[in-house]
Amino acid sequence: MNEVCFSRTRRRSGLTGPGLGFLLALVLLAGCYVYPYPPPGPPYYYYGSSSYERSWNAALDAMDDAGVRAVAADRNTGVITGVKDGVDATITIRTQADGRVRVEFSSRGPSGQDPGLSNRLYQAYERRMGR
């Protein structure tokens, strides 16, 4: 009786012979769907060295450009000191809490002796940074 019921159900649903094989093939092929490749991500950019390193190198080169002889340069503390004709020049480089780099220029010496040194250091630094 079970076989009679099963064959009657197959006949009513149209799943006899090739119909059953076709349905089985569809079920198997549906399980083999290959998804397309994901879209490409954003392009990678090379920014070169970090902004601190870039600022440090630009500051050292600015000393040379302004004619200041670098006496001491400590990358860990971010201080570069130099001398030109008895005037002491200092460039201080600091990384701020928000990630930006702060660069300060100062010069000390006898009154009236090379008053524009800090400004020349700043201009040389800006040229080296490409600004």
C-alpha atoms as a PDB file:
ATOM      1  CA  MET A   1       0.000   0.000   0.000  1.00  0.00           C
ATOM      2  CA  ASN A   2       2.871   2.352   0.724  1.00  0.00           C
ATOM      3  CA  GLU A   3       4.327   1.821  -2.723  1.00  0.00           C
ATOM      4  CA  VAL A   4       0.994   2.465  -4.353  1.00  0.00           C
ATOM      5  CA  CYS A   5       0.593   5.711  -2.422  1.00  0.00           C
ATOM      6  CA  PHE A   6       4.152   6.818  -3.297  1.00  0.00           C
ATOM      7  CA  SER A   7       3.788   6.055  -7.006  1.00  0.00           C
ATOM      8  CA  ARG A   8       0.380   7.805  -7.127  1.00  0.00           C
ATOM      9  CA  THR A   9       2.003  10.933  -5.552  1.00  0.00           C
ATOM     10  CA  ARG A  10       4.859  10.852  -8.076  1.00  0.00           C
ATOM     11  CA  ARG A  11       2.422  10.551 -10.961  1.00  0.00           C
ATOM     12  CA  ARG A  12       0.312  13.461  -9.739  1.00  0.00           C
ATOM     13  CA  SER A  13       3.304  15.741  -9.243  1.00  0.00           C
ATOM     14  CA  GLY A  14       4.749  14.902 -12.661  1.00  0.00           C
ATOM     15  CA  LEU A  15       7.980  13.524 -11.236  1.00  0.00           C
ATOM     16  CA  THR A  16       8.224  10.376 -13.241  1.00  0.00           C
ATOM     17  CA  GLY A  17      11.340   9.244 -15.063  1.00  0.00           C
ATOM     18  CA  PRO A  18      13.077  12.235 -16.676  1.00  0.00           C
ATOM     19  CA  GLY A  19      11.186  14.780 -14.523  1.00  0.00           C
ATOM     20  CA  LEU A  20      12.720  13.390 -11.348  1.00  0.00           C
ATOM     21  CA  GLY A  21      16.209  13.391 -12.913  1.00  0.00           C
ATOM     22  CA  PHE A  22      15.766  16.976 -14.098  1.00  0.00           C
ATOM     23  CA  LEU A  23      14.687  18.133 -10.617  1.00  0.00           C
ATOM     24  CA  LEU A  24      17.639  16.343  -9.018  1.00  0.00           C
ATOM     25  CA  ALA A  25      20.029  17.995 -11.498  1.00  0.00           C
ATOM     26  CA  LEU A  26      18.597  21.469 -10.713  1.00  0.00           C
ATOM     27  CA  VAL A  27      18.983  20.933  -6.979  1.00  0.00           C
ATOM     28  CA  LEU A  28      22.596  19.810  -7.386  1.00  0.00           C
ATOM     29  CA  LEU A  29      23.507  22.678  -9.715  1.00  0.00           C
ATOM     30  CA  ALA A  30      21.885  25.268  -7.466  1.00  0.00           C
ATOM     31  CA  GLY A  31      24.231  24.198  -4.679  1.00  0.00           C
ATOM     32  CA  CYS A  32      27.271  24.881  -6.872  1.00  0.00           C
ATOM     33  CA  TYR A  33      26.720  28.584  -7.526  1.00  0.00           C
ATOM     34  CA  VAL A  34      29.996  30.476  -7.683  1.00  0.00           C
ATOM     35  CA  TYR A  35      29.810  34.051  -6.462  1.00  0.00           C
ATOM     36  CA  PRO A  36      31.605  36.715  -8.495  1.00  0.00           C
ATOM     37  CA  TYR A  37      34.797  38.273  -7.214  1.00  0.00           C
ATOM     38  CA  PRO A  38      34.290  41.084  -4.692  1.00  0.00           C
ATOM     39  CA  PRO A  39      34.760  44.602  -6.035  1.00  0.00           C
ATOM     40  CA  PRO A  40      38.280  45.953  -5.676  1.00  0.00           C
ATOM     41  CA  GLY A  41      39.004  47.989  -2.566  1.00  0.00           C
ATOM     42  CA  PRO A  42      40.362  51.511  -2.523  1.00  0.00           C
ATOM     43  CA  PRO A  43      43.742  51.953  -4.187  1.00  0.00           C
ATOM     44  CA  TYR A  44      46.805  51.861  -1.979  1.00  0.00           C
ATOM     45  CA  TYR A  45      48.742  55.059  -1.625  1.00  0.00           C
ATOM     46  CA  TYR A  46      52.369  55.338  -0.679  1.00  0.00           C
ATOM     47  CA  TYR A  47      52.886  58.377   1.491  1.00  0.00           C
ATOM     48  CA  GLY A  48      56.577  57.857   1.925  1.00  0.00           C
ATOM     49  CA  SER A  49      58.049  58.349   5.344  1.00  0.00           C
ATOM     50  CA  SER A  50      56.036  59.561   8.295  1.00  0.00           C
ATOM     51  CA  SER A  51      55.371  63.261   8.693  1.00  0.00           C
ATOM     52  CA  TYR A  52      57.764  63.454  11.667  1.00  0.00           C
ATOM     53  CA  GLU A  53      60.598  61.921   9.638  1.00  0.00           C
ATOM     54  CA  ARG A  54      59.816  64.179   6.704  1.00  0.00           C
ATOM     55  CA  SER A  55      59.784  67.263   8.942  1.00  0.00           C
ATOM     56  CA  TRP A  56      63.002  66.178  10.639  1.00  0.00           C
ATOM     57  CA  ASN A  57      64.841  65.780   7.335  1.00  0.00           C
ATOM     58  CA  ALA A  58      63.446  69.064   6.003  1.00  0.00           C
ATOM     59  CA  ALA A  59      64.597  70.865   9.157  1.00  0.00           C
ATOM     60  CA  LEU A  60      68.130  69.455   8.874  1.00  0.00           C
ATOM     61  CA  ASP A  61      68.296  70.480   5.226  1.00  0.00           C
ATOM     62  CA  ALA A  62      66.906  73.939   6.064  1.00  0.00           C
ATOM     63  CA  MET A  63      69.844  74.457   8.433  1.00  0.00           C
ATOM     64  CA  ASP A  64      72.238  73.791   5.553  1.00  0.00           C
ATOM     65  CA  ASP A  65      70.238  75.986   3.163  1.00  0.00           C
ATOM     66  CA  ALA A  66      70.357  78.934   5.580  1.00  0.00           C
ATOM     67  CA  GLY A  67      74.105  78.499   6.087  1.00  0.00           C
ATOM     68  CA  VAL A  68      73.788  77.362   9.712  1.00  0.00           C
ATOM     69  CA  ARG A  69      76.285  74.749  10.871  1.00  0.00           C
ATOM     70  CA  ALA A  70      74.414  72.032  12.772  1.00  0.00           C
ATOM     71  CA  VAL A  71      76.142  71.421  16.107  1.00  0.00           C
ATOM     72  CA  ALA A  72      73.780  68.845  17.613  1.00  0.00           C
ATOM     73  CA  ALA A  73      70.766  66.925  16.364  1.00  0.00           C
ATOM     74  CA  ASP A  74      68.815  64.601  18.648  1.00  0.00           C
ATOM     75  CA  ARG A  75      65.985  62.857  16.825  1.00  0.00           C
ATOM     76  CA  ASN A  76      64.509  61.398  20.033  1.00  0.00           C
ATOM     77  CA  THR A  77      63.995  64.786  21.671  1.00  0.00           C
ATOM     78  CA  GLY A  78      63.351  66.529  18.343  1.00  0.00           C
ATOM     79  CA  VAL A  79      65.911  69.312  18.851  1.00  0.00           C
ATOM     80  CA  ILE A  80      68.397  70.542  16.248  1.00  0.00           C
ATOM     81  CA  THR A  81      70.861  73.239  17.288  1.00  0.00           C
ATOM     82  CA  GLY A  82      73.267  75.133  15.096  1.00  0.00           C
ATOM     83  CA  VAL A  83      75.486  78.202  14.955  1.00  0.00           C
ATOM     84  CA  LYS A  84      76.032  80.898  12.328  1.00  0.00           C
ATOM     85  CA  ASP A  85      78.376  83.838  13.001  1.00  0.00           C
ATOM     86  CA  GLY A  86      77.870  83.681  16.776  1.00  0.00           C
ATOM     87  CA  VAL A  87      74.070  83.360  16.577  1.00  0.00           C
ATOM     88  CA  ASP A  88      72.596  80.173  18.040  1.00  0.00           C
ATOM     89  CA  ALA A  89      69.706  78.696  16.054  1.00  0.00           C
ATOM     90  CA  THR A  90      67.354  76.008  17.326  1.00  0.00           C
ATOM     91  CA  ILE A  91      64.670  74.024  15.532  1.00  0.00           C
ATOM     92  CA  THR A  92      62.317  71.991  17.728  1.00  0.00           C
ATOM     93  CA  ILE A  93      60.079  69.305  16.237  1.00  0.00           C
ATOM     94  CA  ARG A  94      57.239  67.812  18.300  1.00  0.00           C
ATOM     95  CA  THR A  95      54.420  65.388  17.532  1.00  0.00           C
ATOM     96  CA  GLN A  96      51.168  66.671  19.016  1.00  0.00           C
ATOM     97  CA  ALA A  97      48.422  64.547  20.583  1.00  0.00           C
ATOM     98  CA  ASP A  98      46.297  64.698  17.426  1.00  0.00           C
ATOM     99  CA  GLY A  99      49.165  63.346  15.280  1.00  0.00           C
ATOM    100  CA  ARG A 100      50.179  66.629  13.675  1.00  0.00           C
ATOM    101  CA  VAL A 101      53.802  67.748  13.754  1.00  0.00           C
ATOM    102  CA  ARG A 102      54.729  71.123  15.252  1.00  0.00           C
ATOM    103  CA  VAL A 103      57.996  72.793  14.219  1.00  0.00           C
ATOM    104  CA  GLU A 104      59.393  75.820  16.084  1.00  0.00           C
ATOM    105  CA  PHE A 105      62.260  78.048  14.976  1.00  0.00           C
ATOM    106  CA  SER A 106      64.265  80.273  17.326  1.00  0.00           C
ATOM    107  CA  SER A 107      67.571  82.116  17.307  1.00  0.00           C
ATOM    108  CA  ARG A 108      69.576  83.913  20.003  1.00  0.00           C
ATOM    109  CA  GLY A 109      72.598  86.054  19.717  1.00  0.00           C
ATOM    110  CA  PRO A 110      74.012  89.523  20.233  1.00  0.00           C
ATOM    111  CA  SER A 111      71.618  92.365  19.498  1.00  0.00           C
ATOM    112  CA  GLY A 112      71.329  93.315  15.865  1.00  0.00           C
ATOM    113  CA  GLN A 113      73.382  90.412  14.628  1.00  0.00           C
ATOM    114  CA  ASP A 114      71.439  88.514  11.931  1.00  0.00           C
ATOM    115  CA  PRO A 115      67.894  89.300  13.148  1.00  0.00           C
ATOM    116  CA  GLY A 116      66.217  87.455  10.217  1.00  0.00           C
ATOM    117  CA  LEU A 117      67.860  84.067  10.780  1.00  0.00           C
ATOM    118  CA  SER A 118      64.728  82.430  12.216  1.00  0.00           C
ATOM    119  CA  ASN A 119      62.691  83.693   9.287  1.00  0.00           C
ATOM    120  CA  ARG A 120      65.231  82.379   6.766  1.00  0.00           C
ATOM    121  CA  LEU A 121      65.230  78.992   8.521  1.00  0.00           C
ATOM    122  CA  TYR A 122      61.437  78.936   8.342  1.00  0.00           C
ATOM    123  CA  GLN A 123      61.407  79.823   4.629  1.00  0.00           C
ATOM    124  CA  ALA A 124      64.042  77.177   3.854  1.00  0.00           C
ATOM    125  CA  TYR A 125      62.020  74.619   5.820  1.00  0.00           C
ATOM    126  CA  GLU A 126      58.842  75.486   3.891  1.00  0.00           C
ATOM    127  CA  ARG A 127      60.705  75.094   0.577  1.00  0.00           C
ATOM    128  CA  ARG A 128      62.025  71.692   1.650  1.00  0.00           C
ATOM    129  CA  MET A 129      58.504  70.621   2.626  1.00  0.00           C
ATOM    130  CA  GLY A 130      57.282  71.662  -0.828  1.00  0.00           C
ATOM    131  CA  ARG A 131      54.995  74.450   0.345  1.00  0.00           C
END
